[in-house]
Each structure stands twice: as C-alpha cells, then as structure tokens.
Amino acid sequence: MNAEHIRTLFDYVYWANARIFRAALRVTPDQFTAANTSSYGSLRGTLAHVLRSEMIWRRRLQGDPMPTGIPIEADFPTPQALLTAWQAEEPLLRAYLASLAEADLQAMVSYKSTKGEPFQNARWAILAHVVNHGTQHRAEAAAMLTDFGHSPGDIDMIIYFREKGL
C-alpha cells in the first residue's frame, strides 16, 4: 500500500461521512439519541465512536502515547455539534496523511490500547484499520438513518470511485 492509496481511502472516508451527515442532520433529537441494538447504542453513540476512534488513532500515529482530552458522546447533543467536531478533525488527519512518505507507511508504530496494553503495527496497517473500522460503523449508521426515513444513499466505495472517475 502506498501513500497515495492511503490518501484515496481517506478521501472515500470523508465522502461517505458527508453522505451520512447530510442524512443525520435531518433526524429529530429523539432519533439522534434513541436507544437501539447497534454496537454503540444509538446513532449519536455510533458516530461519536467513529470520530473518537479517528482522533485517538491520529494522535497515536503522531506520537501521543496515551491520547487524552478526547470528547465523549455526551459532548455532542446534536448532529450539528458532532459534525462540527468532525469538520475540525478532518483537516488534522488530512494534514498528517499529506506529510507521509512511502517509507513512513512501512515504519512500525508502538502504542498502547485504551486499556494500557502495548502494541506495535506498521503505520499502513493502522491507517487501513481506521478506514475499515469507520466503514463498519458508517454502515450501522446508514441502517439507522434508513430506519428513520433518512437514507444516506449508497455509500459503497465503488460509487465513490465512479463519481471521482477512478
């Protein structure tokens, strides 16, 4: 995997996020926080989890051994509040990705899990994980939004590639 491929994958992530948020901004406050059986308990919980994960991984990759000050779900009372936080995070991750050379992707990154367990993975593998992890939870969010009558439409990567002519 090379740096350009990684950046393209994250371009897809932000394209898909935009589709999710266009739909999420139309839900009612009760729908946003309604309990459900998804892995993070609500639309808000699911989307906040993805944002928190991206923030934590970016900070680990930038050398922050144990990221602190990461917002919690309750910090996002509305979809707009969550979108605003995501719009603040996106340029930080994009700037980080833009700084990466091919050799950087092969480098091993040492970090601790949120439980304090030490791990080490290649940078490219961590970035691929971030993309894949977000895909899982965006799919959950898309299902919730569809159930609320606000489908985000197709968020498949191939649709992104077609739209971008890739």
N, C-alpha and C. Protein backbone atom coordinates (compact mmCIF):
# COMPACT_ATOMS: atom_id res chain seq x y z
N MET A 1 0.86 -1.17 0.00
CA MET A 1 0.00 0.00 0.00
C MET A 1 0.90 1.23 0.00
N ASN A 2 0.60 2.18 -0.86
CA ASN A 2 1.43 3.38 -0.91
C ASN A 2 0.67 4.59 -0.36
N ALA A 3 1.37 5.69 -0.20
CA ALA A 3 0.80 6.88 0.43
C ALA A 3 -0.39 7.41 -0.36
N GLU A 4 -0.31 7.38 -1.68
CA GLU A 4 -1.43 7.87 -2.49
C GLU A 4 -2.67 7.01 -2.31
N HIS A 5 -2.47 5.70 -2.20
CA HIS A 5 -3.62 4.81 -1.95
C HIS A 5 -4.26 5.12 -0.60
N ILE A 6 -3.45 5.32 0.40
CA ILE A 6 -3.97 5.65 1.74
C ILE A 6 -4.77 6.95 1.68
N ARG A 7 -4.23 7.96 1.03
CA ARG A 7 -4.95 9.24 0.93
C ARG A 7 -6.27 9.08 0.16
N THR A 8 -6.27 8.24 -0.86
CA THR A 8 -7.51 7.98 -1.61
C THR A 8 -8.54 7.29 -0.73
N LEU A 9 -8.09 6.34 0.08
CA LEU A 9 -9.02 5.68 1.00
C LEU A 9 -9.64 6.68 1.97
N PHE A 10 -8.85 7.61 2.46
CA PHE A 10 -9.40 8.61 3.38
C PHE A 10 -10.26 9.64 2.65
N ASP A 11 -9.99 9.90 1.39
CA ASP A 11 -10.90 10.73 0.61
C ASP A 11 -12.27 10.05 0.56
N TYR A 12 -12.27 8.74 0.36
CA TYR A 12 -13.53 7.99 0.39
C TYR A 12 -14.20 8.11 1.76
N VAL A 13 -13.43 7.97 2.83
CA VAL A 13 -13.99 8.06 4.18
C VAL A 13 -14.74 9.38 4.35
N TYR A 14 -14.13 10.47 3.94
CA TYR A 14 -14.76 11.77 4.15
C TYR A 14 -15.93 12.00 3.19
N TRP A 15 -15.89 11.41 2.01
CA TRP A 15 -17.02 11.43 1.09
C TRP A 15 -18.21 10.70 1.73
N ALA A 16 -17.95 9.50 2.27
CA ALA A 16 -19.01 8.71 2.91
C ALA A 16 -19.53 9.40 4.17
N ASN A 17 -18.62 9.98 4.95
CA ASN A 17 -19.05 10.72 6.15
C ASN A 17 -20.00 11.84 5.76
N ALA A 18 -19.70 12.55 4.68
CA ALA A 18 -20.56 13.66 4.25
C ALA A 18 -21.96 13.16 3.92
N ARG A 19 -22.05 12.01 3.28
CA ARG A 19 -23.37 11.44 2.98
C ARG A 19 -24.12 11.08 4.26
N ILE A 20 -23.40 10.50 5.19
CA ILE A 20 -24.03 10.14 6.47
C ILE A 20 -24.52 11.40 7.18
N PHE A 21 -23.70 12.43 7.22
CA PHE A 21 -24.10 13.63 7.96
C PHE A 21 -25.20 14.42 7.26
N ARG A 22 -25.25 14.39 5.93
CA ARG A 22 -26.39 15.05 5.26
C ARG A 22 -27.70 14.44 5.74
N ALA A 23 -27.71 13.12 5.91
CA ALA A 23 -28.90 12.45 6.41
C ALA A 23 -29.09 12.67 7.91
N ALA A 24 -28.00 12.60 8.68
CA ALA A 24 -28.10 12.72 10.14
C ALA A 24 -28.62 14.10 10.56
N LEU A 25 -28.31 15.11 9.79
CA LEU A 25 -28.78 16.45 10.14
C LEU A 25 -30.30 16.59 10.02
N ARG A 26 -30.95 15.59 9.43
CA ARG A 26 -32.41 15.64 9.27
C ARG A 26 -33.15 14.84 10.33
N VAL A 27 -32.45 14.12 11.19
CA VAL A 27 -33.16 13.34 12.21
C VAL A 27 -33.62 14.25 13.35
N THR A 28 -34.60 13.78 14.08
CA THR A 28 -35.07 14.52 15.24
C THR A 28 -34.10 14.32 16.40
N PRO A 29 -34.15 15.20 17.40
CA PRO A 29 -33.30 14.98 18.57
C PRO A 29 -33.54 13.62 19.23
N ASP A 30 -34.80 13.18 19.27
CA ASP A 30 -35.09 11.87 19.86
C ASP A 30 -34.49 10.74 19.03
N GLN A 31 -34.55 10.85 17.71
CA GLN A 31 -33.96 9.82 16.86
C GLN A 31 -32.43 9.78 17.03
N PHE A 32 -31.82 10.93 17.17
CA PHE A 32 -30.36 11.02 17.30
C PHE A 32 -29.86 10.23 18.50
N THR A 33 -30.62 10.26 19.59
CA THR A 33 -30.18 9.61 20.82
C THR A 33 -30.97 8.34 21.16
N ALA A 34 -31.90 7.95 20.29
CA ALA A 34 -32.75 6.78 20.57
C ALA A 34 -31.91 5.53 20.77
N ALA A 35 -32.23 4.80 21.83
CA ALA A 35 -31.53 3.54 22.11
C ALA A 35 -31.87 2.52 21.03
N ASN A 36 -30.85 1.75 20.64
CA ASN A 36 -31.05 0.67 19.69
C ASN A 36 -30.04 -0.43 19.96
N THR A 37 -30.03 -1.43 19.11
CA THR A 37 -29.16 -2.58 19.35
C THR A 37 -27.82 -2.47 18.66
N SER A 38 -27.49 -1.32 18.09
CA SER A 38 -26.19 -1.18 17.44
C SER A 38 -25.08 -1.28 18.49
N SER A 39 -23.88 -1.41 18.01
CA SER A 39 -22.76 -1.63 18.92
C SER A 39 -22.50 -0.48 19.87
N TYR A 40 -22.96 0.73 19.54
CA TYR A 40 -22.75 1.87 20.43
C TYR A 40 -24.05 2.51 20.87
N GLY A 41 -25.16 1.77 20.75
CA GLY A 41 -26.40 2.10 21.43
C GLY A 41 -27.30 3.15 20.83
N SER A 42 -26.82 3.94 19.89
CA SER A 42 -27.65 4.97 19.27
C SER A 42 -26.90 5.52 18.05
N LEU A 43 -27.61 6.31 17.26
CA LEU A 43 -26.94 6.96 16.14
C LEU A 43 -25.83 7.87 16.66
N ARG A 44 -26.14 8.67 17.67
CA ARG A 44 -25.13 9.54 18.26
C ARG A 44 -23.95 8.73 18.78
N GLY A 45 -24.21 7.65 19.51
CA GLY A 45 -23.14 6.84 20.07
C GLY A 45 -22.26 6.24 18.99
N THR A 46 -22.88 5.79 17.92
CA THR A 46 -22.12 5.17 16.82
C THR A 46 -21.23 6.19 16.14
N LEU A 47 -21.79 7.34 15.77
CA LEU A 47 -21.00 8.36 15.08
C LEU A 47 -19.94 8.97 15.98
N ALA A 48 -20.26 9.15 17.24
CA ALA A 48 -19.26 9.69 18.19
C ALA A 48 -18.11 8.69 18.34
N HIS A 49 -18.43 7.41 18.35
CA HIS A 49 -17.39 6.38 18.46
C HIS A 49 -16.42 6.46 17.28
N VAL A 50 -16.95 6.61 16.08
CA VAL A 50 -16.07 6.68 14.91
C VAL A 50 -15.17 7.91 14.99
N LEU A 51 -15.74 9.04 15.35
CA LEU A 51 -14.94 10.26 15.49
C LEU A 51 -13.85 10.07 16.55
N ARG A 52 -14.23 9.58 17.72
CA ARG A 52 -13.26 9.37 18.79
C ARG A 52 -12.14 8.44 18.34
N SER A 53 -12.51 7.38 17.63
CA SER A 53 -11.50 6.43 17.16
C SER A 53 -10.52 7.09 16.22
N GLU A 54 -11.03 7.87 15.27
CA GLU A 54 -10.13 8.57 14.34
C GLU A 54 -9.20 9.52 15.08
N MET A 55 -9.75 10.21 16.06
CA MET A 55 -8.93 11.15 16.84
C MET A 55 -7.83 10.41 17.60
N ILE A 56 -8.21 9.32 18.25
CA ILE A 56 -7.24 8.56 19.04
C ILE A 56 -6.15 8.00 18.14
N TRP A 57 -6.52 7.40 17.01
CA TRP A 57 -5.51 6.81 16.13
C TRP A 57 -4.59 7.87 15.54
N ARG A 58 -5.16 9.01 15.13
CA ARG A 58 -4.31 10.08 14.58
C ARG A 58 -3.29 10.51 15.63
N ARG A 59 -3.74 10.70 16.83
CA ARG A 59 -2.83 11.16 17.87
C ARG A 59 -1.78 10.11 18.22
N ARG A 60 -2.17 8.85 18.22
CA ARG A 60 -1.17 7.78 18.43
C ARG A 60 -0.13 7.82 17.32
N LEU A 61 -0.60 7.93 16.09
CA LEU A 61 0.32 7.94 14.95
C LEU A 61 1.26 9.14 14.99
N GLN A 62 0.81 10.22 15.60
CA GLN A 62 1.65 11.41 15.71
C GLN A 62 2.52 11.39 16.96
N GLY A 63 2.49 10.29 17.70
CA GLY A 63 3.40 10.14 18.83
C GLY A 63 2.82 10.42 20.19
N ASP A 64 1.54 10.69 20.29
CA ASP A 64 0.90 10.89 21.59
C ASP A 64 0.69 9.50 22.20
N PRO A 65 1.46 9.13 23.22
CA PRO A 65 1.42 7.76 23.73
C PRO A 65 0.06 7.36 24.31
N MET A 66 -0.63 8.26 24.95
CA MET A 66 -1.95 7.95 25.51
C MET A 66 -2.83 9.18 25.33
N PRO A 67 -3.51 9.26 24.20
CA PRO A 67 -4.31 10.46 23.93
C PRO A 67 -5.30 10.76 25.05
N THR A 68 -5.33 12.02 25.44
CA THR A 68 -6.27 12.47 26.46
C THR A 68 -7.07 13.63 25.88
N GLY A 69 -8.11 14.03 26.58
CA GLY A 69 -8.91 15.14 26.14
C GLY A 69 -9.80 14.82 24.95
N ILE A 70 -10.04 13.54 24.72
CA ILE A 70 -10.91 13.11 23.62
C ILE A 70 -12.36 13.30 24.08
N PRO A 71 -13.19 13.92 23.24
CA PRO A 71 -14.57 14.17 23.67
C PRO A 71 -15.35 12.87 23.87
N ILE A 72 -16.37 12.97 24.71
CA ILE A 72 -17.25 11.82 24.96
C ILE A 72 -18.57 12.05 24.24
N GLU A 73 -19.36 11.01 24.15
CA GLU A 73 -20.64 11.06 23.42
C GLU A 73 -21.51 12.22 23.89
N ALA A 74 -21.59 12.44 25.18
CA ALA A 74 -22.45 13.50 25.72
C ALA A 74 -22.03 14.90 25.28
N ASP A 75 -20.80 15.03 24.76
CA ASP A 75 -20.34 16.33 24.26
C ASP A 75 -21.04 16.73 22.97
N PHE A 76 -21.84 15.82 22.42
CA PHE A 76 -22.48 16.05 21.14
C PHE A 76 -24.01 15.96 21.29
N PRO A 77 -24.64 17.03 21.75
CA PRO A 77 -26.09 16.98 21.97
C PRO A 77 -26.90 16.94 20.67
N THR A 78 -26.28 17.35 19.56
CA THR A 78 -26.99 17.40 18.28
C THR A 78 -26.10 16.85 17.17
N PRO A 79 -26.71 16.45 16.07
CA PRO A 79 -25.88 16.04 14.92
C PRO A 79 -24.96 17.18 14.46
N GLN A 80 -25.43 18.41 14.52
CA GLN A 80 -24.60 19.53 14.10
C GLN A 80 -23.36 19.67 14.97
N ALA A 81 -23.50 19.46 16.27
CA ALA A 81 -22.35 19.53 17.17
C ALA A 81 -21.32 18.46 16.81
N LEU A 82 -21.79 17.28 16.48
CA LEU A 82 -20.89 16.20 16.09
C LEU A 82 -20.24 16.50 14.75
N LEU A 83 -21.01 17.01 13.80
CA LEU A 83 -20.45 17.38 12.50
C LEU A 83 -19.38 18.45 12.65
N THR A 84 -19.62 19.43 13.50
CA THR A 84 -18.64 20.50 13.72
C THR A 84 -17.33 19.93 14.24
N ALA A 85 -17.41 18.99 15.18
CA ALA A 85 -16.20 18.35 15.70
C ALA A 85 -15.49 17.56 14.61
N TRP A 86 -16.26 16.88 13.77
CA TRP A 86 -15.67 16.09 12.70
C TRP A 86 -15.00 16.99 11.67
N GLN A 87 -15.62 18.12 11.41
CA GLN A 87 -15.03 19.08 10.46
C GLN A 87 -13.74 19.68 11.00
N ALA A 88 -13.60 19.73 12.31
CA ALA A 88 -12.35 20.20 12.92
C ALA A 88 -11.27 19.11 12.87
N GLU A 89 -11.67 17.85 12.98
CA GLU A 89 -10.72 16.73 12.97
C GLU A 89 -10.22 16.42 11.56
N GLU A 90 -11.08 16.50 10.59
CA GLU A 90 -10.71 16.10 9.22
C GLU A 90 -9.45 16.79 8.71
N PRO A 91 -9.32 18.11 8.80
CA PRO A 91 -8.09 18.72 8.27
C PRO A 91 -6.83 18.30 9.03
N LEU A 92 -6.97 17.95 10.30
CA LEU A 92 -5.81 17.49 11.07
C LEU A 92 -5.33 16.14 10.53
N LEU A 93 -6.27 15.23 10.29
CA LEU A 93 -5.88 13.93 9.75
C LEU A 93 -5.39 14.06 8.32
N ARG A 94 -6.03 14.89 7.53
CA ARG A 94 -5.58 15.08 6.14
C ARG A 94 -4.17 15.67 6.10
N ALA A 95 -3.87 16.60 6.98
CA ALA A 95 -2.52 17.18 7.03
C ALA A 95 -1.51 16.10 7.42
N TYR A 96 -1.87 15.27 8.37
CA TYR A 96 -0.99 14.17 8.75
C TYR A 96 -0.74 13.25 7.56
N LEU A 97 -1.79 12.86 6.88
CA LEU A 97 -1.66 11.97 5.73
C LEU A 97 -0.81 12.60 4.64
N ALA A 98 -0.97 13.89 4.42
CA ALA A 98 -0.20 14.59 3.39
C ALA A 98 1.29 14.60 3.72
N SER A 99 1.62 14.49 4.99
CA SER A 99 3.03 14.53 5.40
C SER A 99 3.74 13.20 5.23
N LEU A 100 3.01 12.14 4.95
CA LEU A 100 3.60 10.80 4.91
C LEU A 100 4.29 10.50 3.59
N ALA A 101 5.50 9.97 3.70
CA ALA A 101 6.23 9.45 2.54
C ALA A 101 6.06 7.94 2.53
N GLU A 102 6.46 7.33 1.44
CA GLU A 102 6.31 5.88 1.31
C GLU A 102 6.97 5.13 2.46
N ALA A 103 8.17 5.53 2.83
CA ALA A 103 8.89 4.84 3.90
C ALA A 103 8.16 4.96 5.24
N ASP A 104 7.46 6.07 5.45
CA ASP A 104 6.72 6.26 6.70
C ASP A 104 5.65 5.19 6.87
N LEU A 105 5.07 4.75 5.77
CA LEU A 105 3.99 3.76 5.86
C LEU A 105 4.49 2.41 6.34
N GLN A 106 5.74 2.10 6.06
CA GLN A 106 6.30 0.81 6.46
C GLN A 106 6.79 0.80 7.90
N ALA A 107 6.99 1.98 8.46
CA ALA A 107 7.53 2.08 9.82
C ALA A 107 6.57 1.47 10.84
N MET A 108 7.15 0.87 11.84
CA MET A 108 6.36 0.31 12.93
C MET A 108 6.02 1.41 13.92
N VAL A 109 4.80 1.37 14.42
CA VAL A 109 4.33 2.34 15.39
C VAL A 109 4.01 1.60 16.68
N SER A 110 4.62 2.03 17.77
CA SER A 110 4.34 1.47 19.08
C SER A 110 3.32 2.35 19.78
N TYR A 111 2.36 1.73 20.43
CA TYR A 111 1.31 2.48 21.10
C TYR A 111 0.70 1.61 22.18
N LYS A 112 -0.14 2.21 22.99
CA LYS A 112 -0.88 1.46 23.99
C LYS A 112 -2.36 1.57 23.68
N SER A 113 -3.06 0.46 23.91
CA SER A 113 -4.51 0.47 23.74
C SER A 113 -5.13 1.36 24.81
N THR A 114 -6.42 1.57 24.70
CA THR A 114 -7.10 2.37 25.72
C THR A 114 -7.10 1.67 27.08
N LYS A 115 -6.76 0.39 27.09
CA LYS A 115 -6.63 -0.37 28.34
C LYS A 115 -5.19 -0.41 28.83
N GLY A 116 -4.30 0.26 28.10
CA GLY A 116 -2.90 0.32 28.50
C GLY A 116 -2.02 -0.81 27.99
N GLU A 117 -2.57 -1.68 27.15
CA GLU A 117 -1.79 -2.79 26.60
C GLU A 117 -0.88 -2.29 25.47
N PRO A 118 0.39 -2.69 25.48
CA PRO A 118 1.30 -2.25 24.42
C PRO A 118 1.10 -3.07 23.13
N PHE A 119 1.17 -2.36 22.00
CA PHE A 119 1.07 -2.99 20.69
C PHE A 119 2.03 -2.30 19.74
N GLN A 120 2.26 -2.96 18.62
CA GLN A 120 3.09 -2.39 17.57
C GLN A 120 2.55 -2.89 16.24
N ASN A 121 2.31 -1.95 15.32
CA ASN A 121 1.85 -2.29 13.97
C ASN A 121 2.49 -1.35 12.97
N ALA A 122 2.55 -1.80 11.72
CA ALA A 122 3.01 -0.92 10.65
C ALA A 122 2.01 0.22 10.48
N ARG A 123 2.52 1.38 10.20
CA ARG A 123 1.67 2.57 10.03
C ARG A 123 0.58 2.33 8.98
N TRP A 124 0.94 1.70 7.86
CA TRP A 124 -0.06 1.47 6.81
C TRP A 124 -1.19 0.59 7.33
N ALA A 125 -0.88 -0.39 8.18
CA ALA A 125 -1.89 -1.30 8.70
C ALA A 125 -2.85 -0.56 9.65
N ILE A 126 -2.31 0.33 10.44
CA ILE A 126 -3.16 1.13 11.33
C ILE A 126 -4.11 1.99 10.51
N LEU A 127 -3.57 2.64 9.48
CA LEU A 127 -4.41 3.50 8.65
C LEU A 127 -5.48 2.69 7.92
N ALA A 128 -5.13 1.51 7.44
CA ALA A 128 -6.12 0.65 6.79
C ALA A 128 -7.19 0.24 7.80
N HIS A 129 -6.78 -0.02 9.02
CA HIS A 129 -7.75 -0.35 10.08
C HIS A 129 -8.72 0.80 10.32
N VAL A 130 -8.21 2.02 10.38
CA VAL A 130 -9.07 3.18 10.64
C VAL A 130 -10.14 3.28 9.55
N VAL A 131 -9.75 3.09 8.31
CA VAL A 131 -10.71 3.13 7.20
C VAL A 131 -11.75 2.03 7.37
N ASN A 132 -11.30 0.81 7.60
CA ASN A 132 -12.21 -0.32 7.70
C ASN A 132 -13.13 -0.20 8.91
N HIS A 133 -12.60 0.22 10.01
CA HIS A 133 -13.38 0.40 11.23
C HIS A 133 -14.51 1.39 11.00
N GLY A 134 -14.19 2.51 10.37
CA GLY A 134 -15.21 3.51 10.09
C GLY A 134 -16.27 2.99 9.14
N THR A 135 -15.87 2.15 8.19
CA THR A 135 -16.83 1.58 7.24
C THR A 135 -17.87 0.75 7.97
N GLN A 136 -17.43 -0.05 8.92
CA GLN A 136 -18.37 -0.86 9.70
C GLN A 136 -19.41 0.02 10.38
N HIS A 137 -18.96 1.05 11.05
CA HIS A 137 -19.89 1.86 11.83
C HIS A 137 -20.71 2.82 10.97
N ARG A 138 -20.16 3.27 9.84
CA ARG A 138 -20.99 4.06 8.92
C ARG A 138 -22.13 3.21 8.38
N ALA A 139 -21.87 1.93 8.13
CA ALA A 139 -22.93 1.03 7.68
C ALA A 139 -24.02 0.91 8.74
N GLU A 140 -23.62 0.80 9.99
CA GLU A 140 -24.61 0.76 11.07
C GLU A 140 -25.41 2.06 11.11
N ALA A 141 -24.72 3.19 10.99
CA ALA A 141 -25.39 4.49 11.00
C ALA A 141 -26.34 4.62 9.81
N ALA A 142 -25.90 4.14 8.65
CA ALA A 142 -26.75 4.20 7.46
C ALA A 142 -28.03 3.40 7.66
N ALA A 143 -27.92 2.24 8.29
CA ALA A 143 -29.12 1.44 8.56
C ALA A 143 -30.06 2.17 9.51
N MET A 144 -29.50 2.78 10.55
CA MET A 144 -30.34 3.54 11.48
C MET A 144 -31.03 4.70 10.78
N LEU A 145 -30.26 5.42 9.98
CA LEU A 145 -30.82 6.57 9.26
C LEU A 145 -31.92 6.12 8.30
N THR A 146 -31.71 5.01 7.64
CA THR A 146 -32.74 4.48 6.74
C THR A 146 -33.99 4.13 7.52
N ASP A 147 -33.83 3.51 8.68
CA ASP A 147 -34.98 3.19 9.53
C ASP A 147 -35.73 4.45 9.96
N PHE A 148 -35.02 5.55 10.10
CA PHE A 148 -35.64 6.83 10.49
C PHE A 148 -36.24 7.56 9.29
N GLY A 149 -36.10 6.98 8.10
CA GLY A 149 -36.64 7.61 6.90
C GLY A 149 -35.71 8.62 6.26
N HIS A 150 -34.42 8.53 6.59
CA HIS A 150 -33.42 9.48 6.06
C HIS A 150 -32.20 8.73 5.52
N SER A 151 -32.43 7.88 4.55
CA SER A 151 -31.32 7.11 3.99
C SER A 151 -30.23 8.03 3.45
N PRO A 152 -28.97 7.70 3.74
CA PRO A 152 -27.87 8.49 3.18
C PRO A 152 -27.58 8.13 1.73
N GLY A 153 -28.28 7.15 1.21
CA GLY A 153 -28.00 6.67 -0.14
C GLY A 153 -26.84 5.69 -0.11
N ASP A 154 -26.37 5.37 -1.28
CA ASP A 154 -25.31 4.37 -1.41
C ASP A 154 -23.98 4.95 -0.93
N ILE A 155 -23.33 4.25 -0.01
CA ILE A 155 -22.03 4.69 0.49
C ILE A 155 -20.93 3.70 0.13
N ASP A 156 -21.20 2.84 -0.85
CA ASP A 156 -20.18 1.89 -1.29
C ASP A 156 -18.99 2.61 -1.90
N MET A 157 -17.81 2.07 -1.66
CA MET A 157 -16.59 2.67 -2.18
C MET A 157 -16.59 2.72 -3.70
N ILE A 158 -17.17 1.73 -4.35
CA ILE A 158 -17.17 1.73 -5.81
C ILE A 158 -17.97 2.91 -6.35
N ILE A 159 -19.01 3.33 -5.64
CA ILE A 159 -19.78 4.50 -6.06
C ILE A 159 -18.90 5.74 -5.97
N TYR A 160 -18.12 5.85 -4.90
CA TYR A 160 -17.16 6.95 -4.78
C TYR A 160 -16.18 6.93 -5.95
N PHE A 161 -15.61 5.76 -6.24
CA PHE A 161 -14.66 5.65 -7.34
C PHE A 161 -15.29 6.07 -8.66
N ARG A 162 -16.53 5.65 -8.90
CA ARG A 162 -17.23 6.01 -10.14
C ARG A 162 -17.44 7.51 -10.21
N GLU A 163 -17.89 8.09 -9.09
CA GLU A 163 -18.13 9.54 -9.08
C GLU A 163 -16.87 10.33 -9.33
N LYS A 164 -15.75 9.83 -8.84
CA LYS A 164 -14.46 10.53 -8.99
C LYS A 164 -13.72 10.14 -10.26
N GLY A 165 -14.28 9.19 -11.00
CA GLY A 165 -13.63 8.75 -12.23
C GLY A 165 -12.37 7.95 -12.00
N LEU A 166 -12.33 7.21 -10.91
CA LEU A 166 -11.14 6.41 -10.57
C LEU A 166 -11.29 4.97 -11.05
